[in-house]
Amino acid sequence: MIVVTGAAGFIGANLVLGLNAKGATDILAVDDLHDGTKFRNLAEAEIADYVDKEEFLARVESGKLPRIEAVFHQGACSTTTEWNGRYMMDVNYRYTKLLLHYCQAKRIPFIYASSASVYGMGKQGFCEDRACEKPLNMYAYSKFLLDQYVRRLGYDAPAPRRKAAAKRAARPARPQVVGLRYFNVYGPREQHKAGMASTAFHFNNQVEREGECRLFEGSDGYGPGEQRRDFIHVDDAVAVNLWFWENPRKSGIFNCGTGRAQPFNDVASAVVDWHGKGKVRYIPFPDNLVGRYQSYTEADLTKLRAAGYERPFLTVEQGVPRYLDWLHRE
């Protein structure tokens, strides 16, 4: 059985469908359906069973689980404006640690969701290195601390010297642990995220309702709408997860982005072009985001490519129309 936590969420639901496409249907879906509308994300998927996240954790702690092939841990509180630190650390840090240790004890591959938010303003770059990491909010800190914990377990270490590698080769391989630092993911099945949904989702709704896309005026030295992010289609994020699943000897913390920063103007243009109507309007930059806003992100893919992942990533011009085709199906 394969476990997917956060299975009714955005990336989790797409991951379940990605596993289905690979022929895997013996899937235990774990989530919190307090927001029952999320069931729609799994309506097209094939799963073996569903378990609430608290019941699942109880089963983990009691050891009452069937044989598990792999765990994709996508469940988390992803609200970047949540400042209840006790809640955030309980959901994102403690829960993940308990699941990680269970997988270690049972030698189960563990692939979990980290976040590019750990890089903060990104002034030191966006490579998987402690010197580049400076989280700006509680969500980012919870992800950063988990990555640090994984590092202390000996994962994500520099390549060993030749003699040390020879000694290590004689030992049994450690169970896989992979942390994927998602950049700005967009695509199908994110509608339940409300304010945390992607700009592509919001721009589409704005054009349909009001005939315009609203972008921020200039900030941090960038012109109106020219703040840049690494926008990655959810299909690509799923593909990276599945590649590591199929390559269980690869472990570590890796960026999951396209390696290409594009301005918000590009996203707005792609939405307007798809609809064949609409315009762009720039609004004042919010005071509450000053000093807390990533005006530029761009994944350094050196480490991911060195691990062997070769597939190209969709550009905004390719990915946004694919997404809008899905949003307007039927």
Protein backbone atom coordinates (compact mmCIF):
# COMPACT_ATOMS: atom_id res chain seq x y z
CA MET A 1 0.00 0.00 0.00
CA ILE A 2 1.11 3.56 -0.80
CA VAL A 3 0.20 6.32 1.66
CA VAL A 4 -0.53 9.87 0.47
CA THR A 5 -1.21 12.41 3.21
CA GLY A 6 -2.98 15.61 2.25
CA ALA A 7 -4.54 13.40 -0.43
CA ALA A 8 -7.62 15.57 -0.91
CA GLY A 9 -5.51 18.72 -1.16
CA PHE A 10 -3.96 20.37 -4.17
CA ILE A 11 -0.67 18.56 -4.80
CA GLY A 12 -1.82 15.45 -2.92
CA ALA A 13 -4.86 14.84 -5.14
CA ASN A 14 -2.84 15.34 -8.31
CA LEU A 15 -0.23 12.96 -6.91
CA VAL A 16 -2.88 10.28 -6.29
CA LEU A 17 -4.00 10.64 -9.90
CA GLY A 18 -0.37 10.50 -11.03
CA LEU A 19 0.07 7.24 -9.13
CA ASN A 20 -3.13 5.93 -10.75
CA ALA A 21 -1.66 6.73 -14.15
CA LYS A 22 1.32 4.56 -13.19
CA GLY A 23 -1.04 1.69 -12.36
CA ALA A 24 -1.02 2.17 -8.58
CA THR A 25 -4.47 2.05 -6.96
CA ASP A 26 -3.71 0.42 -3.59
CA ILE A 27 -3.51 3.86 -2.03
CA LEU A 28 -4.37 4.92 1.52
CA ALA A 29 -5.59 8.52 1.31
CA VAL A 30 -5.05 10.55 4.49
CA ASP A 31 -6.51 14.01 5.03
CA ASP A 32 -8.72 16.27 7.13
CA LEU A 33 -12.09 16.70 5.42
CA HIS A 34 -13.37 19.36 7.78
CA ASP A 35 -13.77 21.25 4.49
CA GLY A 36 -15.91 18.62 2.81
CA THR A 37 -15.76 20.34 -0.58
CA LYS A 38 -12.28 18.86 -1.02
CA PHE A 39 -13.84 15.46 -1.75
CA ARG A 40 -14.19 16.64 -5.35
CA ASN A 41 -10.41 16.47 -5.74
CA LEU A 42 -10.51 12.70 -5.21
CA ALA A 43 -13.76 11.95 -7.05
CA GLU A 44 -11.90 10.84 -10.18
CA ALA A 45 -9.17 8.95 -8.31
CA GLU A 46 -8.88 5.27 -7.43
CA ILE A 47 -7.95 4.66 -3.79
CA ALA A 48 -8.14 1.64 -1.50
CA ASP A 49 -9.15 3.48 1.67
CA TYR A 50 -9.48 6.87 3.36
CA VAL A 51 -8.38 7.70 6.92
CA ASP A 52 -8.61 10.96 8.84
CA LYS A 53 -5.21 12.46 9.63
CA GLU A 54 -5.64 12.08 13.40
CA GLU A 55 -6.73 8.45 13.13
CA PHE A 56 -3.78 7.80 10.84
CA LEU A 57 -1.35 9.29 13.35
CA ALA A 58 -2.87 7.10 16.07
CA ARG A 59 -2.30 4.05 13.87
CA VAL A 60 1.29 5.14 13.26
CA GLU A 61 1.92 5.51 16.99
CA SER A 62 0.33 2.12 17.75
CA GLY A 63 1.97 0.38 14.78
CA LYS A 64 -1.42 -0.80 13.49
CA LEU A 65 -0.84 -0.26 9.79
CA PRO A 66 -0.59 -2.66 6.85
CA ARG A 67 2.67 -3.13 4.95
CA ILE A 68 3.51 0.19 3.32
CA GLU A 69 5.52 0.57 0.11
CA ALA A 70 6.07 4.34 0.33
CA VAL A 71 4.75 7.48 2.04
CA PHE A 72 4.17 10.74 0.17
CA HIS A 73 3.65 13.27 2.96
CA GLN A 74 1.90 16.27 1.42
CA GLY A 75 -0.36 17.14 4.35
CA ALA A 76 0.37 20.42 6.13
CA CYS A 77 -1.00 23.78 7.13
CA SER A 78 0.10 25.83 4.12
CA THR A 79 -1.37 29.17 5.20
CA THR A 80 1.55 31.57 5.15
CA THR A 81 -0.40 34.12 7.19
CA GLU A 82 -0.97 31.72 10.10
CA TRP A 83 0.90 33.01 13.17
CA ASN A 84 -0.28 30.45 15.73
CA GLY A 85 3.15 28.94 16.21
CA ARG A 86 2.02 26.10 18.48
CA TYR A 87 -0.55 24.97 15.92
CA MET A 88 1.87 25.30 12.99
CA MET A 89 4.63 23.37 14.75
CA ASP A 90 2.22 20.64 15.82
CA VAL A 91 0.76 20.12 12.35
CA ASN A 92 3.83 20.72 10.18
CA TYR A 93 6.74 19.71 12.42
CA ARG A 94 5.72 17.26 15.14
CA TYR A 95 3.37 15.26 12.90
CA THR A 96 6.00 14.98 10.18
CA LYS A 97 8.72 13.91 12.64
CA LEU A 98 6.55 11.12 14.02
CA LEU A 99 5.77 9.86 10.53
CA LEU A 100 9.41 10.16 9.49
CA HIS A 101 10.59 8.07 12.44
CA TYR A 102 7.96 5.42 11.73
CA CYS A 103 9.20 5.18 8.14
CA GLN A 104 12.79 4.99 9.32
CA ALA A 105 11.98 2.15 11.71
CA LYS A 106 10.02 0.23 9.05
CA ARG A 107 12.48 1.12 6.25
CA ILE A 108 9.78 2.83 4.21
CA PRO A 109 10.67 5.48 1.59
CA PHE A 110 9.49 8.90 2.80
CA ILE A 111 8.95 11.77 0.35
CA TYR A 112 7.70 14.95 1.98
CA ALA A 113 6.68 18.48 1.02
CA SER A 114 9.08 21.22 1.96
CA SER A 115 8.84 24.77 0.61
CA ALA A 116 10.82 27.44 -1.21
CA SER A 117 9.54 29.83 1.47
CA VAL A 118 12.55 28.74 3.55
CA TYR A 119 14.68 31.04 1.36
CA GLY A 120 12.90 34.17 2.55
CA MET A 121 13.78 37.17 0.44
CA GLY A 122 16.31 35.03 -1.42
CA LYS A 123 19.12 37.54 -1.22
CA GLN A 124 21.67 34.73 -0.84
CA GLY A 125 20.25 32.67 -3.70
CA PHE A 126 17.98 29.65 -3.97
CA CYS A 127 20.19 26.60 -3.63
CA GLU A 128 19.73 23.91 -1.00
CA ASP A 129 22.29 25.34 1.39
CA ARG A 130 21.98 26.62 4.95
CA ALA A 131 23.55 29.95 3.96
CA CYS A 132 20.60 30.66 1.63
CA GLU A 133 17.85 29.92 4.15
CA LYS A 134 16.12 32.70 6.09
CA PRO A 135 12.39 32.01 6.67
CA LEU A 136 10.16 35.06 7.08
CA ASN A 137 7.00 33.55 8.60
CA MET A 138 5.85 30.71 10.85
CA TYR A 139 4.94 28.44 7.95
CA ALA A 140 8.38 28.83 6.40
CA TYR A 141 10.06 28.25 9.76
CA SER A 142 8.16 24.99 10.32
CA LYS A 143 9.36 23.70 6.94
CA PHE A 144 12.89 24.97 7.49
CA LEU A 145 13.15 23.28 10.89
CA LEU A 146 12.00 19.94 9.48
CA ASP A 147 14.63 20.16 6.73
CA GLN A 148 17.24 20.87 9.38
CA TYR A 149 16.07 17.84 11.35
CA VAL A 150 16.40 15.65 8.25
CA ARG A 151 19.91 16.96 7.76
CA ARG A 152 20.82 16.05 11.33
CA LEU A 153 19.73 12.49 10.59
CA GLY A 154 22.49 12.41 7.99
CA TYR A 155 20.45 12.94 4.86
CA ASP A 156 21.32 15.68 2.40
CA ALA A 157 24.99 15.38 3.38
CA PRO A 158 27.82 16.26 0.96
CA ALA A 159 29.09 13.46 -1.23
CA PRO A 160 31.32 11.17 0.90
CA ARG A 161 35.01 10.72 0.22
CA ARG A 162 36.00 7.63 -1.70
CA LYS A 163 37.21 5.56 1.28
CA ALA A 164 34.19 6.48 3.35
CA ALA A 165 31.95 5.66 0.41
CA ALA A 166 33.48 2.20 0.10
CA LYS A 167 32.78 1.49 3.77
CA ARG A 168 29.26 2.81 3.46
CA ALA A 169 28.61 0.66 0.40
CA ALA A 170 29.09 -2.44 2.55
CA ARG A 171 26.24 -1.38 4.85
CA PRO A 172 22.54 -1.90 4.09
CA ALA A 173 21.09 1.06 2.17
CA ARG A 174 19.21 3.52 4.36
CA PRO A 175 15.51 4.04 3.65
CA GLN A 176 14.89 6.89 1.25
CA VAL A 177 14.09 10.36 2.60
CA VAL A 178 13.38 13.18 0.13
CA GLY A 179 12.27 16.73 0.89
CA LEU A 180 10.94 18.70 -2.08
CA ARG A 181 11.03 22.47 -1.82
CA TYR A 182 8.02 23.49 -3.88
CA PHE A 183 8.20 26.88 -5.54
CA ASN A 184 4.99 28.56 -6.85
CA VAL A 185 2.84 25.60 -7.82
CA TYR A 186 -0.33 26.18 -9.86
CA GLY A 187 -2.80 23.97 -11.66
CA PRO A 188 -5.91 21.81 -11.28
CA ARG A 189 -7.57 21.08 -7.93
CA GLU A 190 -6.44 24.13 -5.95
CA GLN A 191 -9.83 25.86 -5.75
CA HIS A 192 -10.32 25.04 -2.05
CA LYS A 193 -7.21 27.04 -1.12
CA ALA A 194 -9.11 30.33 -1.42
CA GLY A 195 -6.65 33.20 -0.84
CA MET A 196 -3.69 30.80 -0.93
CA ALA A 197 -4.55 29.61 -4.47
CA SER A 198 -2.26 30.61 -7.34
CA THR A 199 -2.33 33.90 -9.20
CA ALA A 200 -3.34 32.00 -12.35
CA PHE A 201 -6.49 30.84 -10.54
CA HIS A 202 -7.27 34.32 -9.21
CA PHE A 203 -6.50 36.08 -12.51
CA ASN A 204 -8.87 33.71 -14.31
CA ASN A 205 -11.67 34.50 -11.85
CA GLN A 206 -10.99 38.24 -12.04
CA VAL A 207 -11.13 38.28 -15.84
CA GLU A 208 -14.37 36.32 -15.84
CA ARG A 209 -16.05 38.50 -13.20
CA GLU A 210 -14.59 41.94 -13.82
CA GLY A 211 -12.70 41.81 -17.11
CA GLU A 212 -9.32 42.59 -15.56
CA CYS A 213 -6.34 41.09 -13.72
CA ARG A 214 -5.12 42.95 -10.64
CA LEU A 215 -1.37 43.01 -10.06
CA PHE A 216 0.78 44.83 -7.53
CA GLU A 217 2.50 48.04 -8.42
CA GLY A 218 6.29 48.10 -8.27
CA SER A 219 8.19 46.95 -5.16
CA ASP A 220 11.76 46.05 -4.18
CA GLY A 221 13.09 47.71 -7.31
CA TYR A 222 10.72 45.87 -9.67
CA GLY A 223 8.29 47.67 -11.95
CA PRO A 224 4.51 47.14 -11.88
CA GLY A 225 3.76 43.43 -12.19
CA GLU A 226 7.43 42.68 -12.78
CA GLN A 227 8.01 40.89 -9.47
CA ARG A 228 9.22 37.46 -10.52
CA ARG A 229 8.51 33.97 -9.27
CA ASP A 230 9.38 30.45 -10.30
CA PHE A 231 5.94 29.20 -11.38
CA ILE A 232 5.72 25.41 -11.66
CA HIS A 233 2.71 23.51 -13.01
CA VAL A 234 1.43 20.85 -10.63
CA ASP A 235 1.97 18.16 -13.29
CA ASP A 236 5.68 18.89 -13.10
CA ALA A 237 5.66 18.79 -9.28
CA VAL A 238 3.96 15.38 -9.44
CA ALA A 239 6.48 14.16 -12.00
CA VAL A 240 9.37 15.00 -9.66
CA ASN A 241 7.68 13.11 -6.79
CA LEU A 242 7.11 10.06 -8.96
CA TRP A 243 10.68 10.11 -10.27
CA PHE A 244 12.06 9.87 -6.74
CA TRP A 245 9.57 7.08 -5.97
CA GLU A 246 10.96 5.19 -8.95
CA ASN A 247 14.55 5.94 -7.85
CA PRO A 248 14.54 4.87 -4.18
CA ARG A 249 18.29 5.17 -3.72
CA LYS A 250 18.12 8.94 -4.18
CA SER A 251 17.75 10.92 -0.95
CA GLY A 252 18.15 14.52 0.15
CA ILE A 253 16.51 17.93 0.00
CA PHE A 254 15.83 19.22 -3.50
CA ASN A 255 14.31 22.28 -5.11
CA CYS A 256 11.11 21.60 -7.04
CA GLY A 257 10.75 24.50 -9.45
CA THR A 258 11.41 25.17 -13.12
CA GLY A 259 14.69 27.04 -12.70
CA ARG A 260 13.08 29.94 -14.54
CA ALA A 261 11.79 33.15 -12.92
CA GLN A 262 8.94 34.83 -14.80
CA PRO A 263 7.09 38.05 -13.96
CA PHE A 264 3.48 38.09 -12.78
CA ASN A 265 2.80 40.05 -15.96
CA ASP A 266 3.50 36.86 -17.92
CA VAL A 267 0.84 34.97 -15.94
CA ALA A 268 -1.69 37.76 -16.48
CA SER A 269 -0.89 37.90 -20.20
CA ALA A 270 -1.34 34.13 -20.53
CA VAL A 271 -4.76 34.36 -18.85
CA VAL A 272 -5.89 37.34 -20.94
CA ASP A 273 -4.65 35.68 -24.14
CA TRP A 274 -6.52 32.47 -23.34
CA HIS A 275 -9.79 34.33 -22.72
CA GLY A 276 -9.26 36.67 -25.65
CA LYS A 277 -10.36 39.55 -23.45
CA GLY A 278 -9.43 41.46 -20.33
CA LYS A 279 -6.86 43.99 -19.21
CA VAL A 280 -4.31 44.47 -16.44
CA ARG A 281 -4.75 46.93 -13.57
CA TYR A 282 -2.03 47.67 -11.04
CA ILE A 283 -2.98 48.18 -7.40
CA PRO A 284 -0.92 49.62 -4.49
CA PHE A 285 1.49 47.23 -2.83
CA PRO A 286 0.02 46.23 0.59
CA ASP A 287 1.73 47.71 3.63
CA ASN A 288 1.42 44.42 5.54
CA LEU A 289 3.57 42.64 2.92
CA VAL A 290 6.49 45.06 3.03
CA GLY A 291 9.55 43.08 4.12
CA ARG A 292 7.60 39.82 4.01
CA TYR A 293 7.12 39.35 0.28
CA GLN A 294 9.27 37.28 -2.06
CA SER A 295 9.64 39.60 -5.05
CA TYR A 296 11.94 37.14 -6.77
CA THR A 297 12.32 33.36 -6.64
CA GLU A 298 14.14 31.03 -9.01
CA ALA A 299 14.98 27.44 -8.16
CA ASP A 300 18.59 26.42 -8.54
CA LEU A 301 18.20 23.01 -10.21
CA THR A 302 21.86 22.02 -10.07
CA LYS A 303 21.28 19.43 -7.36
CA LEU A 304 18.10 17.98 -8.88
CA ARG A 305 19.72 17.62 -12.29
CA ALA A 306 22.84 16.07 -10.73
CA ALA A 307 20.58 13.48 -9.07
CA GLY A 308 19.48 12.44 -12.57
CA TYR A 309 16.16 14.21 -13.14
CA GLU A 310 16.22 15.29 -16.79
CA ARG A 311 12.62 16.08 -17.74
CA PRO A 312 11.99 19.67 -18.97
CA PHE A 313 9.51 21.91 -17.12
CA LEU A 314 6.53 23.76 -18.55
CA THR A 315 6.85 27.52 -18.99
CA VAL A 316 4.06 29.87 -17.90
CA GLU A 317 3.10 30.23 -21.56
CA GLN A 318 2.67 26.45 -21.79
CA GLY A 319 1.32 25.65 -18.35
CA VAL A 320 -1.28 28.37 -17.79
CA PRO A 321 -3.31 27.55 -20.95
CA ARG A 322 -3.23 23.87 -19.96
CA TYR A 323 -4.61 24.82 -16.57
CA LEU A 324 -7.32 27.07 -18.01
CA ASP A 325 -8.36 24.30 -20.42
CA TRP A 326 -8.91 22.12 -17.33
CA LEU A 327 -10.78 24.84 -15.42
CA HIS A 328 -13.19 25.31 -18.31
CA ARG A 329 -13.72 21.69 -19.27
CA GLU A 330 -17.30 20.46 -19.67
